[in-house]
PDB file of N, CA and C in Angstrom:
ATOM      1  N   MET A   1       0.846  -1.167   0.000  1.00  0.00           N
ATOM      2  CA  MET A   1       0.000   0.000   0.000  1.00  0.00           C
ATOM      3  C   MET A   1       0.896   1.235   0.000  1.00  0.00           C
ATOM      4  N   ASN A   2       0.564   2.179  -0.857  1.00  0.00           N
ATOM      5  CA  ASN A   2       1.395   3.371  -0.924  1.00  0.00           C
ATOM      6  C   ASN A   2       0.955   4.418   0.096  1.00  0.00           C
ATOM      7  N   LEU A   3       1.759   5.425   0.256  1.00  0.00           N
ATOM      8  CA  LEU A   3       1.524   6.447   1.271  1.00  0.00           C
ATOM      9  C   LEU A   3       0.252   7.234   0.986  1.00  0.00           C
ATOM     10  N   GLY A   4      -0.041   7.488  -0.274  1.00  0.00           N
ATOM     11  CA  GLY A   4      -1.256   8.222  -0.635  1.00  0.00           C
ATOM     12  C   GLY A   4      -2.513   7.484  -0.224  1.00  0.00           C
ATOM     13  N   MET A   5      -2.552   6.169  -0.443  1.00  0.00           N
ATOM     14  CA  MET A   5      -3.716   5.374  -0.046  1.00  0.00           C
ATOM     15  C   MET A   5      -3.839   5.341   1.471  1.00  0.00           C
ATOM     16  N   LEU A   6      -2.726   5.253   2.160  1.00  0.00           N
ATOM     17  CA  LEU A   6      -2.757   5.242   3.621  1.00  0.00           C
ATOM     18  C   LEU A   6      -3.309   6.566   4.160  1.00  0.00           C
ATOM     19  N   LEU A   7      -2.887   7.665   3.571  1.00  0.00           N
ATOM     20  CA  LEU A   7      -3.389   8.967   3.968  1.00  0.00           C
ATOM     21  C   LEU A   7      -4.883   9.087   3.656  1.00  0.00           C
ATOM     22  N   TYR A   8      -5.302   8.600   2.492  1.00  0.00           N
ATOM     23  CA  TYR A   8      -6.717   8.607   2.116  1.00  0.00           C
ATOM     24  C   TYR A   8      -7.554   7.823   3.129  1.00  0.00           C
ATOM     25  N   LEU A   9      -7.103   6.648   3.517  1.00  0.00           N
ATOM     26  CA  LEU A   9      -7.836   5.839   4.493  1.00  0.00           C
ATOM     27  C   LEU A   9      -7.929   6.539   5.848  1.00  0.00           C
ATOM     28  N   ALA A  10      -6.852   7.172   6.267  1.00  0.00           N
ATOM     29  CA  ALA A  10      -6.860   7.868   7.561  1.00  0.00           C
ATOM     30  C   ALA A  10      -7.836   9.040   7.551  1.00  0.00           C
ATOM     31  N   VAL A  11      -7.826   9.824   6.486  1.00  0.00           N
ATOM     32  CA  VAL A  11      -8.732  10.970   6.385  1.00  0.00           C
ATOM     33  C   VAL A  11     -10.183  10.496   6.300  1.00  0.00           C
ATOM     34  N   LEU A  12     -10.425   9.450   5.510  1.00  0.00           N
ATOM     35  CA  LEU A  12     -11.767   8.909   5.387  1.00  0.00           C
ATOM     36  C   LEU A  12     -12.271   8.372   6.728  1.00  0.00           C
ATOM     37  N   PHE A  13     -11.411   7.688   7.458  1.00  0.00           N
ATOM     38  CA  PHE A  13     -11.788   7.141   8.760  1.00  0.00           C
ATOM     39  C   PHE A  13     -12.166   8.250   9.737  1.00  0.00           C
ATOM     40  N   VAL A  14     -11.338   9.285   9.814  1.00  0.00           N
ATOM     41  CA  VAL A  14     -11.613  10.385  10.736  1.00  0.00           C
ATOM     42  C   VAL A  14     -12.876  11.136  10.318  1.00  0.00           C
ATOM     43  N   ALA A  15     -13.032  11.376   9.018  1.00  0.00           N
ATOM     44  CA  ALA A  15     -14.194  12.123   8.540  1.00  0.00           C
ATOM     45  C   ALA A  15     -15.501  11.375   8.790  1.00  0.00           C
ATOM     46  N   LEU A  16     -15.475  10.056   8.713  1.00  0.00           N
ATOM     47  CA  LEU A  16     -16.697   9.277   8.884  1.00  0.00           C
ATOM     48  C   LEU A  16     -16.868   8.705  10.285  1.00  0.00           C
ATOM     49  N   THR A  17     -16.094   9.192  11.237  1.00  0.00           N
ATOM     50  CA  THR A  17     -16.298   8.823  12.634  1.00  0.00           C
ATOM     51  C   THR A  17     -17.567   9.517  13.119  1.00  0.00           C
ATOM     52  N   PRO A  18     -18.442   8.812  13.820  1.00  0.00           N
ATOM     53  CA  PRO A  18     -19.698   9.440  14.266  1.00  0.00           C
ATOM     54  C   PRO A  18     -19.454  10.705  15.087  1.00  0.00           C
ATOM     55  N   GLY A  19     -20.119  11.776  14.675  1.00  0.00           N
ATOM     56  CA  GLY A  19     -20.012  13.033  15.394  1.00  0.00           C
ATOM     57  C   GLY A  19     -18.983  13.992  14.841  1.00  0.00           C
ATOM     58  N   VAL A  20     -18.123  13.562  13.912  1.00  0.00           N
ATOM     59  CA  VAL A  20     -17.121  14.470  13.349  1.00  0.00           C
ATOM     60  C   VAL A  20     -17.763  15.351  12.287  1.00  0.00           C
ATOM     61  N   LEU A  21     -18.277  14.760  11.215  1.00  0.00           N
ATOM     62  CA  LEU A  21     -18.980  15.533  10.191  1.00  0.00           C
ATOM     63  C   LEU A  21     -20.488  15.461  10.385  1.00  0.00           C
ATOM     64  N   LEU A  22     -20.977  14.290  10.708  1.00  0.00           N
ATOM     65  CA  LEU A  22     -22.396  14.089  10.899  1.00  0.00           C
ATOM     66  C   LEU A  22     -22.625  12.849  11.743  1.00  0.00           C
ATOM     67  N   ARG A  23     -23.854  12.674  12.141  1.00  0.00           N
ATOM     68  CA  ARG A  23     -24.210  11.477  12.902  1.00  0.00           C
ATOM     69  C   ARG A  23     -25.477  10.907  12.282  1.00  0.00           C
ATOM     70  N   ILE A  24     -25.349   9.718  11.735  1.00  0.00           N
ATOM     71  CA  ILE A  24     -26.460   9.028  11.088  1.00  0.00           C
ATOM     72  C   ILE A  24     -26.765   7.781  11.900  1.00  0.00           C
ATOM     73  N   PRO A  25     -27.939   7.465  12.259  1.00  0.00           N
ATOM     74  CA  PRO A  25     -29.150   8.283  12.363  1.00  0.00           C
ATOM     75  C   PRO A  25     -29.086   9.179  13.595  1.00  0.00           C
ATOM     76  N   PRO A  26     -29.719  10.345  13.534  1.00  0.00           N
ATOM     77  CA  PRO A  26     -29.679  11.254  14.686  1.00  0.00           C
ATOM     78  C   PRO A  26     -30.385  10.652  15.904  1.00  0.00           C
ATOM     79  N   LYS A  27     -29.918  10.992  17.063  1.00  0.00           N
ATOM     80  CA  LYS A  27     -30.491  10.549  18.345  1.00  0.00           C
ATOM     81  C   LYS A  27     -30.524   9.027  18.474  1.00  0.00           C
ATOM     82  N   SER A  28     -29.513   8.365  17.950  1.00  0.00           N
ATOM     83  CA  SER A  28     -29.429   6.909  18.083  1.00  0.00           C
ATOM     84  C   SER A  28     -28.363   6.564  19.123  1.00  0.00           C
ATOM     85  N   SER A  29     -28.310   5.299  19.484  1.00  0.00           N
ATOM     86  CA  SER A  29     -27.290   4.880  20.443  1.00  0.00           C
ATOM     87  C   SER A  29     -25.918   4.903  19.776  1.00  0.00           C
ATOM     88  N   LEU A  30     -24.894   4.888  20.590  1.00  0.00           N
ATOM     89  CA  LEU A  30     -23.525   4.929  20.082  1.00  0.00           C
ATOM     90  C   LEU A  30     -23.223   3.719  19.208  1.00  0.00           C
ATOM     91  N   LEU A  31     -23.710   2.556  19.596  1.00  0.00           N
ATOM     92  CA  LEU A  31     -23.462   1.322  18.845  1.00  0.00           C
ATOM     93  C   LEU A  31     -24.126   1.358  17.467  1.00  0.00           C
ATOM     94  N   VAL A  32     -25.364   1.817  17.403  1.00  0.00           N
ATOM     95  CA  VAL A  32     -26.069   1.905  16.117  1.00  0.00           C
ATOM     96  C   VAL A  32     -25.387   2.921  15.217  1.00  0.00           C
ATOM     97  N   ALA A  33     -25.015   4.066  15.763  1.00  0.00           N
ATOM     98  CA  ALA A  33     -24.330   5.098  14.966  1.00  0.00           C
ATOM     99  C   ALA A  33     -22.996   4.572  14.446  1.00  0.00           C
ATOM    100  N   ALA A  34     -22.245   3.856  15.266  1.00  0.00           N
ATOM    101  CA  ALA A  34     -20.961   3.301  14.833  1.00  0.00           C
ATOM    102  C   ALA A  34     -21.159   2.265  13.727  1.00  0.00           C
ATOM    103  N   ALA A  35     -22.193   1.433  13.848  1.00  0.00           N
ATOM    104  CA  ALA A  35     -22.462   0.422  12.824  1.00  0.00           C
ATOM    105  C   ALA A  35     -22.852   1.062  11.500  1.00  0.00           C
ATOM    106  N   VAL A  36     -23.698   2.083  11.548  1.00  0.00           N
ATOM    107  CA  VAL A  36     -24.111   2.774  10.320  1.00  0.00           C
ATOM    108  C   VAL A  36     -22.921   3.471   9.678  1.00  0.00           C
ATOM    109  N   HIS A  37     -22.100   4.130  10.476  1.00  0.00           N
ATOM    110  CA  HIS A  37     -20.925   4.808   9.932  1.00  0.00           C
ATOM    111  C   HIS A  37     -19.914   3.807   9.369  1.00  0.00           C
ATOM    112  N   ALA A  38     -19.830   2.627   9.939  1.00  0.00           N
ATOM    113  CA  ALA A  38     -18.944   1.594   9.390  1.00  0.00           C
ATOM    114  C   ALA A  38     -19.413   1.150   8.006  1.00  0.00           C
ATOM    115  N   VAL A  39     -20.711   1.003   7.845  1.00  0.00           N
ATOM    116  CA  VAL A  39     -21.260   0.635   6.536  1.00  0.00           C
ATOM    117  C   VAL A  39     -21.029   1.760   5.534  1.00  0.00           C
ATOM    118  N   VAL A  40     -21.226   3.003   5.952  1.00  0.00           N
ATOM    119  CA  VAL A  40     -20.976   4.147   5.068  1.00  0.00           C
ATOM    120  C   VAL A  40     -19.505   4.203   4.669  1.00  0.00           C
ATOM    121  N   PHE A  41     -18.604   3.967   5.629  1.00  0.00           N
ATOM    122  CA  PHE A  41     -17.169   3.937   5.341  1.00  0.00           C
ATOM    123  C   PHE A  41     -16.864   2.869   4.296  1.00  0.00           C
ATOM    124  N   ALA A  42     -17.413   1.671   4.482  1.00  0.00           N
ATOM    125  CA  ALA A  42     -17.156   0.573   3.546  1.00  0.00           C
ATOM    126  C   ALA A  42     -17.670   0.896   2.151  1.00  0.00           C
ATOM    127  N   LEU A  43     -18.850   1.507   2.055  1.00  0.00           N
ATOM    128  CA  LEU A  43     -19.402   1.863   0.747  1.00  0.00           C
ATOM    129  C   LEU A  43     -18.590   2.951   0.063  1.00  0.00           C
ATOM    130  N   VAL A  44     -18.231   3.987   0.802  1.00  0.00           N
ATOM    131  CA  VAL A  44     -17.430   5.073   0.215  1.00  0.00           C
ATOM    132  C   VAL A  44     -16.080   4.538  -0.241  1.00  0.00           C
ATOM    133  N   TYR A  45     -15.451   3.716   0.576  1.00  0.00           N
ATOM    134  CA  TYR A  45     -14.161   3.143   0.194  1.00  0.00           C
ATOM    135  C   TYR A  45     -14.296   2.249  -1.035  1.00  0.00           C
ATOM    136  N   HIS A  46     -15.321   1.424  -1.058  1.00  0.00           N
ATOM    137  CA  HIS A  46     -15.516   0.489  -2.177  1.00  0.00           C
ATOM    138  C   HIS A  46     -15.657   1.230  -3.507  1.00  0.00           C
ATOM    139  N   PHE A  47     -16.401   2.328  -3.504  1.00  0.00           N
ATOM    140  CA  PHE A  47     -16.658   3.034  -4.753  1.00  0.00           C
ATOM    141  C   PHE A  47     -15.583   4.058  -5.119  1.00  0.00           C
ATOM    142  N   THR A  48     -14.621   4.320  -4.235  1.00  0.00           N
ATOM    143  CA  THR A  48     -13.608   5.326  -4.548  1.00  0.00           C
ATOM    144  C   THR A  48     -12.174   4.817  -4.540  1.00  0.00           C
ATOM    145  N   TYR A  49     -11.910   3.594  -4.073  1.00  0.00           N
ATOM    146  CA  TYR A  49     -10.519   3.192  -3.904  1.00  0.00           C
ATOM    147  C   TYR A  49      -9.767   3.065  -5.223  1.00  0.00           C
ATOM    148  N   LYS A  50     -10.416   2.625  -6.302  1.00  0.00           N
ATOM    149  CA  LYS A  50      -9.713   2.507  -7.586  1.00  0.00           C
ATOM    150  C   LYS A  50      -9.281   3.872  -8.105  1.00  0.00           C
ATOM    151  N   MET A  51     -10.173   4.845  -8.004  1.00  0.00           N
ATOM    152  CA  MET A  51      -9.855   6.189  -8.467  1.00  0.00           C
ATOM    153  C   MET A  51      -8.710   6.781  -7.650  1.00  0.00           C
ATOM    154  N   VAL A  52      -8.762   6.624  -6.343  1.00  0.00           N
ATOM    155  CA  VAL A  52      -7.717   7.174  -5.472  1.00  0.00           C
ATOM    156  C   VAL A  52      -6.405   6.440  -5.708  1.00  0.00           C
ATOM    157  N   TYR A  53      -6.454   5.130  -5.881  1.00  0.00           N
ATOM    158  CA  TYR A  53      -5.232   4.364  -6.132  1.00  0.00           C
ATOM    159  C   TYR A  53      -4.579   4.807  -7.433  1.00  0.00           C
ATOM    160  N   ARG A  54      -5.378   4.968  -8.493  1.00  0.00           N
ATOM    161  CA  ARG A  54      -4.819   5.430  -9.771  1.00  0.00           C
ATOM    162  C   ARG A  54      -4.200   6.814  -9.623  1.00  0.00           C
ATOM    163  N   PHE A  55      -4.885   7.699  -8.912  1.00  0.00           N
ATOM    164  CA  PHE A  55      -4.369   9.048  -8.724  1.00  0.00           C
ATOM    165  C   PHE A  55      -3.063   9.035  -7.935  1.00  0.00           C
ATOM    166  N   THR A  56      -2.979   8.196  -6.897  1.00  0.00           N
ATOM    167  CA  THR A  56      -1.779   8.193  -6.067  1.00  0.00           C
ATOM    168  C   THR A  56      -0.610   7.491  -6.735  1.00  0.00           C
ATOM    169  N   THR A  57      -0.862   6.629  -7.704  1.00  0.00           N
ATOM    170  CA  THR A  57       0.243   5.952  -8.378  1.00  0.00           C
ATOM    171  C   THR A  57       0.616   6.605  -9.700  1.00  0.00           C
ATOM    172  N   GLU A  58      -0.367   7.108 -10.448  1.00  0.00           N
ATOM    173  CA  GLU A  58      -0.092   7.664 -11.770  1.00  0.00           C
ATOM    174  C   GLU A  58      -0.115   9.185 -11.803  1.00  0.00           C
ATOM    175  N   GLY A  59      -0.865   9.799 -10.935  1.00  0.00           N
ATOM    176  CA  GLY A  59      -1.004  11.246 -10.947  1.00  0.00           C
ATOM    177  C   GLY A  59      -2.063  11.688 -11.932  1.00  0.00           C
ATOM    178  N   PHE A  60      -2.096  12.990 -12.212  1.00  0.00           N
ATOM    179  CA  PHE A  60      -3.120  13.541 -13.090  1.00  0.00           C
ATOM    180  C   PHE A  60      -2.881  13.260 -14.559  1.00  0.00           C
ATOM    181  N   THR A  61      -1.661  13.395 -15.007  1.00  0.00           N
ATOM    182  CA  THR A  61      -1.423  13.365 -16.448  1.00  0.00           C
ATOM    183  C   THR A  61      -0.830  12.040 -16.887  1.00  0.00           C
ATOM    184  N   THR A  62      -1.538  11.379 -17.733  1.00  0.00           N
ATOM    185  CA  THR A  62      -0.997  10.225 -18.440  1.00  0.00           C
ATOM    186  C   THR A  62      -1.427  10.349 -19.886  1.00  0.00           C
ATOM    187  N   LYS A  63      -0.640   9.863 -20.781  1.00  0.00           N
ATOM    188  CA  LYS A  63      -0.933   9.981 -22.193  1.00  0.00           C
ATOM    189  C   LYS A  63      -2.227   9.258 -22.554  1.00  0.00           C
ATOM    190  N   GLU A  64      -2.490   8.132 -21.900  1.00  0.00           N
ATOM    191  CA  GLU A  64      -3.694   7.365 -22.194  1.00  0.00           C
ATOM    192  C   GLU A  64      -4.955   8.178 -21.941  1.00  0.00           C
ATOM    193  N   ARG A  65      -5.003   8.897 -20.828  1.00  0.00           N
ATOM    194  CA  ARG A  65      -6.217   9.590 -20.447  1.00  0.00           C
ATOM    195  C   ARG A  65      -6.523  10.780 -21.342  1.00  0.00           C
ATOM    196  N   PHE A  66      -5.504  11.525 -21.759  1.00  0.00           N
ATOM    197  CA  PHE A  66      -5.766  12.748 -22.471  1.00  0.00           C
ATOM    198  C   PHE A  66      -5.746  12.587 -23.984  1.00  0.00           C
ATOM    199  N   GLU A  67      -4.980  11.678 -24.516  1.00  0.00           N
ATOM    200  CA  GLU A  67      -4.919  11.525 -25.957  1.00  0.00           C
ATOM    201  C   GLU A  67      -5.623  10.271 -26.442  1.00  0.00           C
ATOM    202  N   GLY A  68      -5.962   9.372 -25.531  1.00  0.00           N
ATOM    203  CA  GLY A  68      -6.655   8.161 -25.930  1.00  0.00           C
ATOM    204  C   GLY A  68      -5.759   7.156 -26.627  1.00  0.00           C
ATOM    205  N   GLU A  69      -4.489   7.366 -26.577  1.00  0.00           N
ATOM    206  CA  GLU A  69      -3.551   6.471 -27.228  1.00  0.00           C
ATOM    207  C   GLU A  69      -2.730   5.736 -26.189  1.00  0.00           C
ATOM    208  N   VAL A  70      -2.369   4.542 -26.521  1.00  0.00           N
ATOM    209  CA  VAL A  70      -1.494   3.762 -25.666  1.00  0.00           C
ATOM    210  C   VAL A  70      -0.189   3.585 -26.426  1.00  0.00           C
ATOM    211  N   GLU A  71       0.907   3.934 -25.771  1.00  0.00           N
ATOM    212  CA  GLU A  71       2.199   3.787 -26.432  1.00  0.00           C
ATOM    213  C   GLU A  71       2.498   2.310 -26.644  1.00  0.00           C
ATOM    214  N   GLU A  72       2.902   1.995 -27.848  1.00  0.00           N
ATOM    215  CA  GLU A  72       3.267   0.616 -28.142  1.00  0.00           C
ATOM    216  C   GLU A  72       4.729   0.411 -27.810  1.00  0.00           C
ATOM    217  N   GLU A  73       5.000  -0.711 -27.187  1.00  0.00           N
ATOM    218  CA  GLU A  73       6.383  -1.022 -26.858  1.00  0.00           C
ATOM    219  C   GLU A  73       7.060  -1.597 -28.086  1.00  0.00           C
ATOM    220  N   GLU A  74       8.316  -1.197 -28.276  1.00  0.00           N
ATOM    221  CA  GLU A  74       9.061  -1.731 -29.398  1.00  0.00           C
ATOM    222  C   GLU A  74       9.449  -3.163 -29.097  1.00  0.00           C
ATOM    223  N   GLU A  75       9.250  -4.007 -30.075  1.00  0.00           N
ATOM    224  CA  GLU A  75       9.600  -5.407 -29.894  1.00  0.00           C
ATOM    225  C   GLU A  75      11.104  -5.564 -30.072  1.00  0.00           C
ATOM    226  N   PRO A  76      11.736  -6.345 -29.220  1.00  0.00           N
ATOM    227  CA  PRO A  76      13.176  -6.558 -29.379  1.00  0.00           C
ATOM    228  C   PRO A  76      13.452  -7.355 -30.656  1.00  0.00           C
ATOM    229  N   GLU A  77      14.554  -7.004 -31.287  1.00  0.00           N
ATOM    230  CA  GLU A  77      14.905  -7.714 -32.514  1.00  0.00           C
ATOM    231  C   GLU A  77      15.306  -9.141 -32.162  1.00  0.00           C
ATOM    232  N   SER A  78      14.915 -10.056 -33.001  1.00  0.00           N
ATOM    233  CA  SER A  78      15.280 -11.449 -32.730  1.00  0.00           C
ATOM    234  C   SER A  78      16.758 -11.666 -33.045  1.00  0.00           C
ATOM    235  N   ALA A  79      17.297 -12.703 -32.509  1.00  0.00           N
ATOM    236  CA  ALA A  79      18.703 -13.010 -32.716  1.00  0.00           C
ATOM    237  C   ALA A  79      18.981 -13.313 -34.175  1.00  0.00           C
ATOM    238  N   ALA A  80      18.034 -13.914 -34.873  1.00  0.00           N
ATOM    239  CA  ALA A  80      18.232 -14.260 -36.285  1.00  0.00           C
ATOM    240  C   ALA A  80      18.281 -13.015 -37.158  1.00  0.00           C
ATOM    241  N   ALA A  81      17.531 -11.985 -36.822  1.00  0.00           N
ATOM    242  CA  ALA A  81      17.522 -10.777 -37.607  1.00  0.00           C
ATOM    243  C   ALA A  81      18.776  -9.955 -37.390  1.00  0.00           C
ATOM    244  N   MET A  82      19.467 -10.167 -36.310  1.00  0.00           N
ATOM    245  CA  MET A  82      20.673  -9.406 -36.011  1.00  0.00           C
ATOM    246  C   MET A  82      21.857  -9.877 -36.837  1.00  0.00           C
ATOM    247  N   TYR A  83      21.884 -11.111 -37.284  1.00  0.00           N
ATOM    248  CA  TYR A  83      23.033 -11.638 -38.009  1.00  0.00           C
ATOM    249  C   TYR A  83      22.802 -11.771 -39.459  1.00  0.00           C
TER     250      TYR A  83
END
C-alpha cells in the first residue's frame, strides 16, 4: 500500500467517525451510529478506492487519459535478424 492510499484511508476514517462531520441516524445509540458509519465507510471506500489508487500511483497526467492512445512497446529484434 502506498503512502497516498494510507493517507486517504486515515482521512476517510476520521471524517466518517460518528459526530465528526455528521451522525447518522440522529439521536441513536452509540453502537447503532458506529455500525451505520462503518457501513458508510465501507461503501465510500468500495466506490472510490480505484480512483484514489490510480491518482496516487499515476497522478493527473498520463498519455492514455488525455490523448486516448497507448504507447506501443518496441519489440526486441530477434537473434536471427541481427546476423
